[in-house]
Amino acid sequence: MSSEPATTFRLAVSPESARRLTDLADEAGVQPEEFLRASVEEWLSRPQAGFSEAASYVLKKNADLYGRLS
């Protein structure tokens, strides 16, 4: 874990999403904030191959367009 101070984000979610988050956190036995933090950290630690593949596909697909626009 980093020695840098934590950064706090605020986000608004729909009431339905808030209920679902609360339900999932309750099932895990943690506060919703802790559940969300752990979920985000787990997601960020995954390899981002899917994003890289999608970006590569879009760049290849639109190469001609990008060339005409430059």
C-alpha atoms as a PDB file:
ATOM      1  CA  MET A   1       0.000   0.000   0.000  1.00  0.00           C
ATOM      2  CA  SER A   2       1.219   3.502  -0.823  1.00  0.00           C
ATOM      3  CA  SER A   3       2.430   5.910   1.839  1.00  0.00           C
ATOM      4  CA  GLU A   4       0.632   8.753   0.069  1.00  0.00           C
ATOM      5  CA  PRO A   5      -2.550  10.054   1.703  1.00  0.00           C
ATOM      6  CA  ALA A   6      -5.788   8.593   0.375  1.00  0.00           C
ATOM      7  CA  THR A   7      -7.846  10.535  -2.141  1.00  0.00           C
ATOM      8  CA  THR A   8     -11.556  10.886  -1.530  1.00  0.00           C
ATOM      9  CA  PHE A   9     -14.067  10.848  -4.378  1.00  0.00           C
ATOM     10  CA  ARG A  10     -17.742  11.704  -4.131  1.00  0.00           C
ATOM     11  CA  LEU A  11     -20.225  10.227  -6.547  1.00  0.00           C
ATOM     12  CA  ALA A  12     -23.963  10.210  -6.934  1.00  0.00           C
ATOM     13  CA  VAL A  13     -25.788   6.964  -7.682  1.00  0.00           C
ATOM     14  CA  SER A  14     -29.440   6.220  -8.241  1.00  0.00           C
ATOM     15  CA  PRO A  15     -31.523   5.120  -5.254  1.00  0.00           C
ATOM     16  CA  GLU A  16     -31.747   1.658  -6.819  1.00  0.00           C
ATOM     17  CA  SER A  17     -27.952   1.412  -7.125  1.00  0.00           C
ATOM     18  CA  ALA A  18     -27.533   2.659  -3.554  1.00  0.00           C
ATOM     19  CA  ARG A  19     -29.922  -0.038  -2.281  1.00  0.00           C
ATOM     20  CA  ARG A  20     -28.079  -2.712  -4.260  1.00  0.00           C
ATOM     21  CA  LEU A  21     -24.713  -1.521  -2.954  1.00  0.00           C
ATOM     22  CA  THR A  22     -26.040  -1.541   0.610  1.00  0.00           C
ATOM     23  CA  ASP A  23     -27.460  -5.038   0.150  1.00  0.00           C
ATOM     24  CA  LEU A  24     -24.171  -6.377  -1.241  1.00  0.00           C
ATOM     25  CA  ALA A  25     -22.185  -4.723   1.556  1.00  0.00           C
ATOM     26  CA  ASP A  26     -24.556  -6.188   4.161  1.00  0.00           C
ATOM     27  CA  GLU A  27     -24.084  -9.649   2.652  1.00  0.00           C
ATOM     28  CA  ALA A  28     -20.302  -9.177   2.893  1.00  0.00           C
ATOM     29  CA  GLY A  29     -20.555  -7.844   6.455  1.00  0.00           C
ATOM     30  CA  VAL A  30     -18.941  -4.473   5.709  1.00  0.00           C
ATOM     31  CA  GLN A  31     -19.989  -0.850   5.298  1.00  0.00           C
ATOM     32  CA  PRO A  32     -21.042   0.192   1.763  1.00  0.00           C
ATOM     33  CA  GLU A  33     -18.016   2.507   1.501  1.00  0.00           C
ATOM     34  CA  GLU A  34     -15.613  -0.320   2.333  1.00  0.00           C
ATOM     35  CA  PHE A  35     -17.354  -2.663  -0.108  1.00  0.00           C
ATOM     36  CA  LEU A  36     -17.131  -0.057  -2.867  1.00  0.00           C
ATOM     37  CA  ARG A  37     -13.461   0.722  -2.103  1.00  0.00           C
ATOM     38  CA  ALA A  38     -12.523  -2.965  -2.192  1.00  0.00           C
ATOM     39  CA  SER A  39     -14.483  -3.492  -5.418  1.00  0.00           C
ATOM     40  CA  VAL A  40     -12.810  -0.558  -7.149  1.00  0.00           C
ATOM     41  CA  GLU A  41      -9.339  -1.608  -5.989  1.00  0.00           C
ATOM     42  CA  GLU A  42      -9.950  -5.161  -7.226  1.00  0.00           C
ATOM     43  CA  TRP A  43     -11.186  -3.870 -10.589  1.00  0.00           C
ATOM     44  CA  LEU A  44      -8.185  -1.548 -10.952  1.00  0.00           C
ATOM     45  CA  SER A  45      -5.764  -4.388 -10.234  1.00  0.00           C
ATOM     46  CA  ARG A  46      -7.083  -6.486 -13.143  1.00  0.00           C
ATOM     47  CA  PRO A  47      -5.184  -6.501 -16.411  1.00  0.00           C
ATOM     48  CA  GLN A  48      -6.791  -4.024 -18.761  1.00  0.00           C
ATOM     49  CA  ALA A  49      -6.452  -6.232 -21.843  1.00  0.00           C
ATOM     50  CA  GLY A  50     -10.090  -5.732 -22.768  1.00  0.00           C
ATOM     51  CA  PHE A  51      -9.688  -1.979 -22.974  1.00  0.00           C
ATOM     52  CA  SER A  52      -6.459  -2.242 -24.958  1.00  0.00           C
ATOM     53  CA  GLU A  53      -8.059  -4.649 -27.419  1.00  0.00           C
ATOM     54  CA  ALA A  54     -11.091  -2.397 -27.853  1.00  0.00           C
ATOM     55  CA  ALA A  55      -8.942   0.708 -28.351  1.00  0.00           C
ATOM     56  CA  SER A  56      -6.794  -1.096 -30.919  1.00  0.00           C
ATOM     57  CA  TYR A  57      -9.900  -2.257 -32.795  1.00  0.00           C
ATOM     58  CA  VAL A  58     -11.340   1.267 -32.914  1.00  0.00           C
ATOM     59  CA  LEU A  59      -8.043   2.756 -34.083  1.00  0.00           C
ATOM     60  CA  LYS A  60      -7.682   0.168 -36.863  1.00  0.00           C
ATOM     61  CA  LYS A  61     -11.315   0.454 -37.904  1.00  0.00           C
ATOM     62  CA  ASN A  62     -11.147   4.236 -38.155  1.00  0.00           C
ATOM     63  CA  ALA A  63      -7.564   4.597 -39.467  1.00  0.00           C
ATOM     64  CA  ASP A  64      -8.723   5.894 -42.853  1.00  0.00           C
ATOM     65  CA  LEU A  65     -11.018   8.465 -41.242  1.00  0.00           C
ATOM     66  CA  TYR A  66      -8.287   9.625 -38.870  1.00  0.00           C
ATOM     67  CA  GLY A  67      -5.925   9.975 -41.827  1.00  0.00           C
ATOM     68  CA  ARG A  68      -8.402  12.157 -43.731  1.00  0.00           C
ATOM     69  CA  LEU A  69      -9.021  14.322 -40.665  1.00  0.00           C
ATOM     70  CA  SER A  70      -5.344  14.993 -39.989  1.00  0.00           C
END
